[in-house]
Amino acid sequence: MALRARLAVLYTSIVGGILLLLGVAVYASVSISLTSQVDNILNRTKDEIWPHIFFDAKGMLGVERVPALDLAPGLLFQIWGRQDDLIFSNVIQINLPFDNMGLNSSRQTFRDVYLNFATGSVHLRVLSVPLVLGESDRIVGVLQVATSLSVVDATQQALLMVLLVGVVVSMAIAGFAGWISTRQALAPLGDVTRVALQITRADDLSRRITYQGPPDDEVGQLINAFNQTLSRLENLFITQRRFLADVGHELRTPLTVIKGNVDLMRRMNILDEESMDSIESEVERLTRMVGDLLLLAQAESGKLPLNLQTVELDTLLFDAMQQMRVLTRNRLEMGLGEIDQVLVCGDPDRLKQVLVNLIGNAIKYTPTGGKVEVGLGKMGDRARLTVSDNGPGIPVEDMPHIFERFYRGEKSRTRQKDGKGYGLGLSIAYWIVRNHGGQIEVDSKPGQGTTFCVWLPLAQGDCSEIKIAEE
């Protein structure tokens, strides 16, 4: 059964159950009220008859001034003696007790009885009152007052019919209204299903679901979450396609060089040292790129192997600067800003890789005569490492993408002459820093330079006991 049908049935069942309970309560209250009114009438009639009942000197029952009794139409009464003999009755056609059980009752009782006649059965409400002689508490007779319940029965039957018809009609209306309302409420879910199927068939993640209802209701929140999921999936697929294209591009160049040199040596039928050096250089570059890609995959999955220990970040910084100073080739100045002694918990090899990537990136894009400055300090419980240059800066449109794999801004897409740049350095630095519980920030103004800032938690206690939280 469809969800819409189940909701409509549930809604109808709830409404029907409530109406049924309400109908039972109304029927019971009306029946009790009508019965109470009949009992009051019987009691008043008993009070009117009571003064006309007397006992003679022998203790026999009698009734006086019967014609003077002004009883309401439909009221019947009988007086029965000790030997179950009928002393008096205002109905000549009935010579049997209204209520046989009431003749033996020692207290006043009300009871519903049915008397059968040739013309049919009559439903009566009977009040039986024992007649006591003086103070002896000796019962010498019974007064029975009765009235027909035909009006009450007819009223109850009419009320029952009205309630049943009302419940059935109300349930039908409720079912129809529930069907329509659930259909309208669940219509957006049908749109979600159709769009999802269309996306599956056409591989079109650019599709989005429009919703005209309030955005903060359950359906609106679901559609909003679905649209956000589609956006994330679209970005992931775009990134994946771009990643595959970039990997293919990066692999094609060294493979082309290798293939060209191999073909050249095969045609010349000699072992050319220059060609071998070129092949070796391209193989090394391919090895570095594959290693970096594996490192990124481990970092993004939260399984980056880290050998945590206490690291003197200032010493590590001096080593990285000494190593990278060779790349400047005296064409620019590399200097130190504010330096402080800093201890952090981390993997020294990975942290040095971050320093080398950031400093190398700054050297790469700083023009001749420019300056690269490195600083290290403390702010609160964190270490602050900065790498600044006065190069061309990063365009505003490139800022959100600089940590993506293989991404290079428009001004830097051309491969460097050293052949080592393939757009993974900043991605690796970003994930290494994140896996050390830190963060990396960038501030750049076109034409004025760029500053990368790395924040790392200071070492506190034994680093071997620290577990880096996985992303």
Protein backbone atom coordinates (compact mmCIF):
# COMPACT_ATOMS: atom_id res chain seq x y z
CA MET A 1 0.00 0.00 0.00
CA ALA A 2 1.28 3.44 -0.91
CA LEU A 3 2.32 5.86 1.82
CA ARG A 4 -0.47 8.25 0.82
CA ALA A 5 -3.08 5.49 1.18
CA ARG A 6 -1.63 4.39 4.53
CA LEU A 7 -1.73 7.93 5.87
CA ALA A 8 -5.30 8.41 4.65
CA VAL A 9 -6.39 5.13 6.29
CA LEU A 10 -4.60 6.07 9.51
CA TYR A 11 -6.19 9.53 9.53
CA THR A 12 -9.63 8.05 8.84
CA SER A 13 -9.22 5.41 11.54
CA ILE A 14 -8.21 8.00 14.12
CA VAL A 15 -11.14 10.24 13.24
CA GLY A 16 -13.52 7.25 13.24
CA GLY A 17 -12.24 6.05 16.60
CA ILE A 18 -12.63 9.48 18.16
CA LEU A 19 -16.14 9.87 16.75
CA LEU A 20 -17.05 6.37 17.92
CA LEU A 21 -15.93 7.09 21.46
CA LEU A 22 -17.74 10.42 21.37
CA GLY A 23 -20.90 8.68 20.05
CA VAL A 24 -20.78 6.07 22.82
CA ALA A 25 -20.40 8.83 25.40
CA VAL A 26 -23.32 10.82 23.92
CA TYR A 27 -25.53 7.73 23.66
CA ALA A 28 -24.76 6.67 27.24
CA SER A 29 -25.30 10.16 28.67
CA VAL A 30 -28.62 10.61 26.83
CA SER A 31 -29.82 7.14 27.90
CA ILE A 32 -28.89 7.82 31.52
CA SER A 33 -30.57 11.22 31.39
CA LEU A 34 -33.80 9.82 29.92
CA THR A 35 -33.86 6.94 32.42
CA SER A 36 -33.27 9.36 35.28
CA GLN A 37 -36.20 11.49 34.15
CA VAL A 38 -38.47 8.41 33.99
CA ASP A 39 -37.33 7.36 37.48
CA ASN A 40 -38.13 10.83 38.80
CA ILE A 41 -41.62 10.61 37.30
CA LEU A 42 -42.16 7.18 38.90
CA ASN A 43 -40.98 8.50 42.25
CA ARG A 44 -43.36 11.47 42.09
CA THR A 45 -46.20 9.15 41.11
CA LYS A 46 -45.37 6.90 44.07
CA ASP A 47 -45.49 9.94 46.32
CA GLU A 48 -48.94 10.85 44.97
CA ILE A 49 -50.30 7.33 45.51
CA TRP A 50 -48.74 6.75 48.92
CA PRO A 51 -51.19 8.91 50.96
CA HIS A 52 -54.15 6.94 49.59
CA ILE A 53 -52.90 3.61 50.86
CA PHE A 54 -54.07 2.54 54.33
CA PHE A 55 -54.20 -0.44 56.63
CA ASP A 56 -57.42 -1.51 58.34
CA ALA A 57 -57.71 -2.82 61.90
CA LYS A 58 -56.80 -6.30 60.75
CA GLY A 59 -53.69 -5.05 58.93
CA MET A 60 -55.21 -5.46 55.51
CA LEU A 61 -54.25 -3.10 52.69
CA GLY A 62 -56.68 -0.72 51.13
CA VAL A 63 -56.83 2.24 48.76
CA GLU A 64 -59.10 5.20 49.17
CA ARG A 65 -60.22 7.98 46.91
CA VAL A 66 -58.73 6.36 43.86
CA PRO A 67 -60.71 8.51 41.48
CA ALA A 68 -59.11 11.55 43.07
CA LEU A 69 -55.65 10.49 41.88
CA ASP A 70 -54.50 12.75 39.07
CA LEU A 71 -51.86 10.62 37.36
CA ALA A 72 -50.08 11.54 34.15
CA PRO A 73 -51.09 9.60 31.03
CA GLY A 74 -49.26 6.31 30.57
CA LEU A 75 -48.57 5.80 34.29
CA LEU A 76 -49.64 2.45 35.72
CA PHE A 77 -49.68 1.18 39.28
CA GLN A 78 -50.61 -1.95 41.20
CA ILE A 79 -50.88 -2.85 44.87
CA TRP A 80 -50.16 -6.46 45.82
CA GLY A 81 -50.88 -8.08 49.16
CA ARG A 82 -48.94 -10.53 51.31
CA GLN A 83 -50.23 -13.57 49.48
CA ASP A 84 -49.37 -12.10 46.07
CA ASP A 85 -52.99 -11.16 45.65
CA LEU A 86 -53.79 -8.10 43.60
CA ILE A 87 -55.39 -5.49 45.87
CA PHE A 88 -55.75 -2.77 43.27
CA SER A 89 -54.69 -1.87 39.72
CA ASN A 90 -55.52 1.10 37.56
CA VAL A 91 -55.22 -1.12 34.48
CA ILE A 92 -57.98 -3.68 34.18
CA GLN A 93 -56.29 -5.49 31.26
CA ILE A 94 -53.23 -6.42 33.33
CA ASN A 95 -53.74 -8.79 36.28
CA LEU A 96 -50.13 -9.95 36.45
CA PRO A 97 -47.35 -8.21 38.38
CA PHE A 98 -45.38 -5.65 36.42
CA ASP A 99 -42.20 -7.09 37.96
CA ASN A 100 -42.28 -10.55 39.57
CA MET A 101 -38.86 -10.07 41.13
CA GLY A 102 -39.93 -6.77 42.62
CA LEU A 103 -42.66 -8.56 44.70
CA ASN A 104 -39.95 -10.21 46.78
CA SER A 105 -37.71 -7.18 47.14
CA SER A 106 -37.13 -5.81 50.65
CA ARG A 107 -36.19 -2.35 49.40
CA GLN A 108 -37.23 0.09 46.74
CA THR A 109 -35.96 -0.97 43.31
CA PHE A 110 -36.11 0.13 39.67
CA ARG A 111 -36.08 -2.48 36.94
CA ASP A 112 -36.71 -2.71 33.19
CA VAL A 113 -39.15 -5.49 32.27
CA TYR A 114 -40.92 -6.73 29.17
CA LEU A 115 -44.57 -7.81 29.33
CA ASN A 116 -45.81 -10.02 26.53
CA PHE A 117 -49.33 -9.57 25.19
CA ALA A 118 -51.19 -10.86 22.21
CA THR A 119 -50.54 -7.57 20.47
CA GLY A 120 -46.83 -7.71 21.22
CA SER A 121 -44.23 -7.03 23.89
CA VAL A 122 -44.28 -3.89 26.01
CA HIS A 123 -41.14 -2.41 27.54
CA LEU A 124 -41.79 -0.98 31.02
CA ARG A 125 -39.79 0.79 33.67
CA VAL A 126 -41.06 -0.47 37.04
CA LEU A 127 -40.60 0.97 40.52
CA SER A 128 -41.28 -1.59 43.26
CA VAL A 129 -41.82 -0.22 46.80
CA PRO A 130 -42.35 -2.62 49.74
CA LEU A 131 -45.26 -1.63 52.08
CA VAL A 132 -44.36 -1.94 55.77
CA LEU A 133 -46.86 -2.17 58.60
CA GLY A 134 -46.18 0.38 61.33
CA GLU A 135 -42.89 0.06 63.15
CA SER A 136 -42.74 -3.70 62.96
CA ASP A 137 -40.88 -3.63 59.63
CA ARG A 138 -43.21 -6.38 58.48
CA ILE A 139 -43.83 -6.24 54.74
CA VAL A 140 -47.53 -6.63 54.08
CA GLY A 141 -47.55 -5.69 50.38
CA VAL A 142 -45.85 -4.10 47.40
CA LEU A 143 -46.64 -1.01 45.41
CA GLN A 144 -45.50 -1.16 41.78
CA VAL A 145 -45.56 1.93 39.58
CA ALA A 146 -44.70 1.54 35.90
CA THR A 147 -44.56 3.49 32.69
CA SER A 148 -43.87 2.56 29.11
CA LEU A 149 -40.34 3.16 27.73
CA SER A 150 -41.45 3.20 24.12
CA VAL A 151 -40.61 6.89 23.75
CA VAL A 152 -37.23 6.35 25.37
CA ASP A 153 -36.54 3.36 23.13
CA ALA A 154 -37.54 5.30 20.04
CA THR A 155 -35.34 8.21 21.09
CA GLN A 156 -32.38 5.89 21.68
CA GLN A 157 -32.87 4.17 18.33
CA ALA A 158 -33.08 7.50 16.51
CA LEU A 159 -30.02 8.78 18.35
CA LEU A 160 -28.11 5.58 17.58
CA MET A 161 -28.99 5.83 13.90
CA VAL A 162 -27.94 9.49 13.78
CA LEU A 163 -24.64 8.71 15.49
CA LEU A 164 -23.87 5.75 13.22
CA VAL A 165 -24.71 7.70 10.07
CA GLY A 166 -22.72 10.66 11.38
CA VAL A 167 -19.69 8.51 12.12
CA VAL A 168 -19.81 6.83 8.70
CA VAL A 169 -20.27 10.13 6.84
CA SER A 170 -17.58 11.83 8.93
CA MET A 171 -15.14 8.99 8.29
CA ALA A 172 -15.85 9.18 4.57
CA ILE A 173 -15.28 12.94 4.57
CA ALA A 174 -12.17 12.54 6.73
CA GLY A 175 -10.83 9.83 4.42
CA PHE A 176 -11.39 11.97 1.34
CA ALA A 177 -9.88 15.04 3.00
CA GLY A 178 -6.93 12.96 4.25
CA TRP A 179 -6.37 11.54 0.77
CA ILE A 180 -6.38 15.01 -0.81
CA SER A 181 -4.24 16.63 1.91
CA THR A 182 -1.66 13.83 1.96
CA ARG A 183 -1.57 13.89 -1.82
CA GLN A 184 -0.75 17.59 -1.78
CA ALA A 185 1.69 17.21 1.12
CA LEU A 186 3.54 14.28 -0.45
CA ALA A 187 3.56 15.66 -3.99
CA PRO A 188 7.05 17.22 -3.48
CA LEU A 189 8.35 13.78 -2.47
CA GLY A 190 7.17 12.51 -5.83
CA ASP A 191 9.16 15.33 -7.44
CA VAL A 192 12.20 14.21 -5.44
CA THR A 193 11.78 10.67 -6.74
CA ARG A 194 11.32 11.80 -10.35
CA VAL A 195 14.35 14.11 -10.24
CA ALA A 196 16.47 11.40 -8.61
CA LEU A 197 15.48 8.94 -11.35
CA GLN A 198 16.16 11.51 -14.06
CA ILE A 199 19.56 12.22 -12.57
CA THR A 200 20.29 8.50 -12.46
CA ARG A 201 19.31 8.02 -16.10
CA ALA A 202 20.88 11.18 -17.51
CA ASP A 203 23.83 11.66 -15.08
CA ASP A 204 22.76 15.30 -14.78
CA LEU A 205 23.66 16.52 -11.28
CA SER A 206 22.85 20.12 -12.17
CA ARG A 207 19.12 19.45 -11.69
CA ARG A 208 17.50 20.91 -8.57
CA ILE A 209 14.06 20.48 -6.98
CA THR A 210 11.85 23.52 -6.62
CA TYR A 211 9.49 23.70 -3.64
CA GLN A 212 6.69 26.26 -3.35
CA GLY A 213 5.80 25.50 0.27
CA PRO A 214 7.36 26.92 3.45
CA PRO A 215 11.09 26.12 3.49
CA ASP A 216 11.17 25.41 7.23
CA ASP A 217 8.66 22.54 7.25
CA GLU A 218 9.70 18.88 7.12
CA VAL A 219 9.29 18.53 3.36
CA GLY A 220 11.07 21.84 2.74
CA GLN A 221 13.97 20.78 4.94
CA LEU A 222 14.16 17.41 3.15
CA ILE A 223 14.21 19.05 -0.29
CA ASN A 224 16.78 21.59 0.86
CA ALA A 225 19.00 18.79 2.19
CA PHE A 226 18.53 16.85 -1.07
CA ASN A 227 19.49 19.91 -3.13
CA GLN A 228 22.56 20.47 -0.95
CA THR A 229 23.51 16.82 -1.43
CA LEU A 230 23.16 17.23 -5.18
CA SER A 231 25.37 20.33 -5.06
CA ARG A 232 28.04 18.48 -3.11
CA LEU A 233 27.86 15.50 -5.45
CA GLU A 234 28.06 17.79 -8.47
CA ASN A 235 31.13 19.52 -7.02
CA LEU A 236 32.68 16.14 -6.22
CA PHE A 237 32.10 14.85 -9.76
CA ILE A 238 33.42 18.07 -11.28
CA THR A 239 36.46 17.86 -9.03
CA GLN A 240 36.91 14.21 -9.91
CA ARG A 241 36.71 14.88 -13.65
CA ARG A 242 39.12 17.78 -13.34
CA PHE A 243 41.40 15.65 -11.19
CA LEU A 244 41.44 12.85 -13.75
CA ALA A 245 42.06 15.34 -16.55
CA ASP A 246 44.91 16.96 -14.61
CA VAL A 247 46.45 13.61 -13.71
CA GLY A 248 46.23 12.57 -17.34
CA HIS A 249 47.87 15.85 -18.38
CA GLU A 250 50.61 15.55 -15.77
CA LEU A 251 51.33 11.94 -16.69
CA ARG A 252 51.24 12.53 -20.43
CA THR A 253 54.12 15.03 -20.48
CA PRO A 254 56.79 12.89 -18.75
CA LEU A 255 55.60 9.76 -20.53
CA THR A 256 55.89 11.58 -23.85
CA VAL A 257 59.43 12.66 -22.97
CA ILE A 258 60.36 9.14 -21.94
CA LYS A 259 58.83 7.61 -25.06
CA GLY A 260 60.55 10.19 -27.30
CA ASN A 261 63.97 9.55 -25.79
CA VAL A 262 63.53 5.78 -26.00
CA ASP A 263 62.49 6.05 -29.67
CA LEU A 264 65.47 8.32 -30.34
CA MET A 265 67.94 5.85 -28.82
CA ARG A 266 66.30 2.97 -30.68
CA ARG A 267 66.64 4.76 -34.04
CA MET A 268 70.22 5.81 -33.32
CA ASN A 269 70.95 2.37 -31.88
CA ILE A 270 73.19 3.94 -29.24
CA LEU A 271 72.90 4.60 -25.52
CA ASP A 272 72.70 8.37 -25.25
CA GLU A 273 73.63 9.72 -21.79
CA GLU A 274 71.64 12.92 -22.25
CA SER A 275 68.51 10.95 -23.15
CA MET A 276 69.04 8.64 -20.18
CA ASP A 277 69.37 11.63 -17.83
CA SER A 278 66.13 13.05 -19.23
CA ILE A 279 64.37 9.70 -18.75
CA GLU A 280 65.70 9.41 -15.21
CA SER A 281 64.53 12.95 -14.38
CA GLU A 282 61.02 12.28 -15.69
CA VAL A 283 60.82 8.94 -13.83
CA GLU A 284 61.82 10.70 -10.61
CA ARG A 285 59.14 13.31 -11.19
CA LEU A 286 56.53 10.60 -11.82
CA THR A 287 57.63 8.82 -8.65
CA ARG A 288 57.28 12.03 -6.63
CA MET A 289 53.86 12.73 -8.06
CA VAL A 290 52.57 9.21 -7.35
CA GLY A 291 53.98 9.39 -3.83
CA ASP A 292 52.30 12.73 -3.25
CA LEU A 293 48.99 11.41 -4.57
CA LEU A 294 49.20 8.42 -2.20
CA LEU A 295 50.02 10.80 0.65
CA LEU A 296 46.97 12.94 -0.19
CA ALA A 297 44.73 9.86 -0.34
CA GLN A 298 45.94 8.80 3.11
CA ALA A 299 45.46 12.30 4.52
CA GLU A 300 41.95 12.70 3.11
CA SER A 301 40.92 9.31 4.50
CA GLY A 302 42.26 10.23 7.95
CA LYS A 303 44.87 7.46 7.81
CA LEU A 304 48.00 9.57 7.32
CA PRO A 305 50.84 7.77 9.16
CA LEU A 306 52.36 10.18 11.69
CA ASN A 307 55.37 9.57 13.92
CA LEU A 308 54.42 11.96 16.71
CA GLN A 309 57.19 13.39 18.86
CA THR A 310 58.24 16.66 20.38
CA VAL A 311 59.55 18.85 17.55
CA GLU A 312 61.61 22.04 17.86
CA LEU A 313 59.80 23.93 15.14
CA ASP A 314 62.40 26.73 15.04
CA THR A 315 65.22 24.24 14.37
CA LEU A 316 63.11 22.53 11.70
CA LEU A 317 62.46 25.93 10.12
CA PHE A 318 66.19 26.77 9.92
CA ASP A 319 66.89 23.40 8.25
CA ALA A 320 64.13 23.96 5.68
CA MET A 321 65.37 27.49 4.91
CA GLN A 322 68.93 26.26 4.48
CA GLN A 323 67.72 23.57 2.10
CA MET A 324 65.55 25.95 0.06
CA ARG A 325 68.09 28.78 -0.09
CA VAL A 326 69.77 26.99 -3.00
CA LEU A 327 66.64 27.51 -5.12
CA THR A 328 66.89 31.30 -4.86
CA ARG A 329 70.02 31.31 -7.07
CA ASN A 330 70.79 34.73 -5.59
CA ARG A 331 67.91 36.24 -7.57
CA LEU A 332 65.92 37.21 -4.48
CA GLU A 333 66.37 37.76 -0.77
CA MET A 334 65.32 35.21 1.86
CA GLY A 335 65.11 36.52 5.39
CA LEU A 336 63.87 35.80 8.89
CA GLY A 337 61.21 37.81 10.63
CA GLU A 338 60.35 37.41 14.28
CA ILE A 339 61.58 34.02 15.52
CA ASP A 340 60.74 32.33 18.81
CA GLN A 341 61.57 28.92 20.27
CA VAL A 342 58.53 26.74 19.72
CA LEU A 343 57.83 23.12 20.66
CA VAL A 344 54.99 21.24 18.95
CA CYS A 345 53.82 17.63 18.82
CA GLY A 346 54.11 16.31 15.32
CA ASP A 347 55.90 14.29 12.69
CA PRO A 348 59.13 16.16 11.88
CA ASP A 349 59.35 14.79 8.33
CA ARG A 350 55.76 15.82 7.51
CA LEU A 351 56.13 19.25 9.12
CA LYS A 352 59.35 19.83 7.19
CA GLN A 353 57.46 18.87 4.03
CA VAL A 354 54.96 21.63 4.83
CA LEU A 355 57.78 24.17 5.32
CA VAL A 356 59.52 23.12 2.13
CA ASN A 357 56.30 23.32 0.12
CA LEU A 358 55.35 26.77 1.43
CA ILE A 359 58.84 28.28 1.13
CA GLY A 360 59.38 26.69 -2.30
CA ASN A 361 56.03 28.02 -3.47
CA ALA A 362 56.96 31.53 -2.28
CA ILE A 363 60.35 31.37 -4.03
CA LYS A 364 58.75 30.08 -7.23
CA TYR A 365 56.39 33.05 -7.62
CA THR A 366 58.58 35.84 -6.25
CA PRO A 367 60.17 37.93 -9.05
CA THR A 368 63.87 38.74 -9.26
CA GLY A 369 64.87 41.24 -6.61
CA GLY A 370 61.91 40.29 -4.41
CA LYS A 371 61.93 39.02 -0.85
CA VAL A 372 60.66 35.94 0.98
CA GLU A 373 60.32 36.30 4.75
CA VAL A 374 59.65 33.54 7.28
CA GLY A 375 58.50 34.09 10.87
CA LEU A 376 57.68 31.92 13.89
CA GLY A 377 56.00 32.86 17.18
CA LYS A 378 53.46 31.93 19.83
CA MET A 379 49.93 33.16 20.34
CA GLY A 380 48.16 31.65 23.33
CA ASP A 381 48.42 27.88 23.20
CA ARG A 382 49.25 27.77 19.48
CA ALA A 383 52.33 28.23 17.34
CA ARG A 384 52.11 30.68 14.44
CA LEU A 385 54.30 30.15 11.37
CA THR A 386 54.24 32.66 8.50
CA VAL A 387 55.73 32.59 5.01
CA SER A 388 55.43 35.88 3.11
CA ASP A 389 56.52 37.08 -0.31
CA ASN A 390 56.08 40.28 -2.33
CA GLY A 391 55.23 38.53 -5.57
CA PRO A 392 52.22 39.11 -7.86
CA GLY A 393 49.76 37.72 -5.32
CA ILE A 394 46.81 35.42 -5.91
CA PRO A 395 43.76 36.58 -7.90
CA VAL A 396 40.56 36.77 -5.90
CA GLU A 397 38.83 34.17 -8.09
CA ASP A 398 41.62 31.67 -7.38
CA MET A 399 41.63 32.03 -3.58
CA PRO A 400 38.90 29.39 -2.84
CA HIS A 401 40.75 26.77 -4.94
CA ILE A 402 44.43 27.12 -4.05
CA PHE A 403 44.40 24.04 -1.78
CA GLU A 404 42.79 21.82 -4.44
CA ARG A 405 44.85 19.14 -6.16
CA PHE A 406 46.49 20.16 -9.45
CA TYR A 407 44.98 23.65 -9.19
CA ARG A 408 47.10 26.48 -10.56
CA GLY A 409 45.94 30.02 -11.07
CA GLU A 410 45.79 31.49 -14.53
CA LYS A 411 49.10 33.34 -14.07
CA SER A 412 50.84 30.19 -12.92
CA ARG A 413 49.45 27.43 -15.08
CA THR A 414 52.56 27.17 -17.19
CA ARG A 415 54.89 24.54 -15.81
CA GLN A 416 58.10 25.88 -14.29
CA LYS A 417 61.27 25.24 -16.14
CA ASP A 418 62.53 22.94 -13.38
CA GLY A 419 59.58 20.66 -14.17
CA LYS A 420 58.81 20.06 -10.51
CA GLY A 421 55.57 21.94 -10.11
CA TYR A 422 52.38 19.99 -10.66
CA GLY A 423 49.93 21.63 -8.25
CA LEU A 424 50.05 19.24 -5.26
CA GLY A 425 52.26 21.15 -2.81
CA LEU A 426 49.59 23.29 -1.18
CA SER A 427 47.14 20.39 -1.05
CA ILE A 428 49.70 18.26 0.77
CA ALA A 429 50.55 21.10 3.16
CA TYR A 430 46.87 21.67 3.90
CA TRP A 431 46.17 18.04 4.79
CA ILE A 432 49.35 17.56 6.83
CA VAL A 433 48.51 20.62 8.93
CA ARG A 434 44.90 19.47 9.39
CA ASN A 435 46.08 16.01 10.47
CA HIS A 436 48.27 17.70 13.10
CA GLY A 437 45.22 19.39 14.59
CA GLY A 438 46.10 22.78 13.09
CA GLN A 439 44.92 25.01 10.29
CA ILE A 440 46.44 26.92 7.41
CA GLU A 441 45.33 30.35 6.20
CA VAL A 442 46.28 32.58 3.30
CA ASP A 443 46.15 36.33 2.85
CA SER A 444 46.93 37.74 -0.58
CA LYS A 445 46.47 40.99 -2.43
CA PRO A 446 47.12 41.07 -6.18
CA GLY A 447 50.33 43.00 -6.88
CA GLN A 448 51.33 43.19 -3.20
CA GLY A 449 52.28 39.62 -2.31
CA THR A 450 51.00 36.62 -0.38
CA THR A 451 51.26 35.42 3.23
CA PHE A 452 50.61 31.85 4.32
CA CYS A 453 49.95 31.37 8.04
CA VAL A 454 50.12 27.95 9.74
CA TRP A 455 48.64 27.43 13.22
CA LEU A 456 49.71 24.38 15.26
CA PRO A 457 48.96 23.42 18.88
CA LEU A 458 51.90 23.80 21.25
CA ALA A 459 53.35 20.67 22.82
CA GLN A 460 51.85 19.83 26.20
CA GLY A 461 52.93 16.64 27.98
CA ASP A 462 53.99 13.41 26.32
CA CYS A 463 53.42 13.56 22.57
CA SER A 464 53.29 9.76 22.27
CA GLU A 465 50.01 9.75 24.20
CA ILE A 466 48.33 12.27 21.89
CA LYS A 467 45.94 10.92 19.29
CA ILE A 468 45.22 13.24 16.40
CA ALA A 469 41.46 13.40 15.71
CA GLU A 470 40.56 12.09 12.29
CA GLU A 471 38.62 14.34 9.92
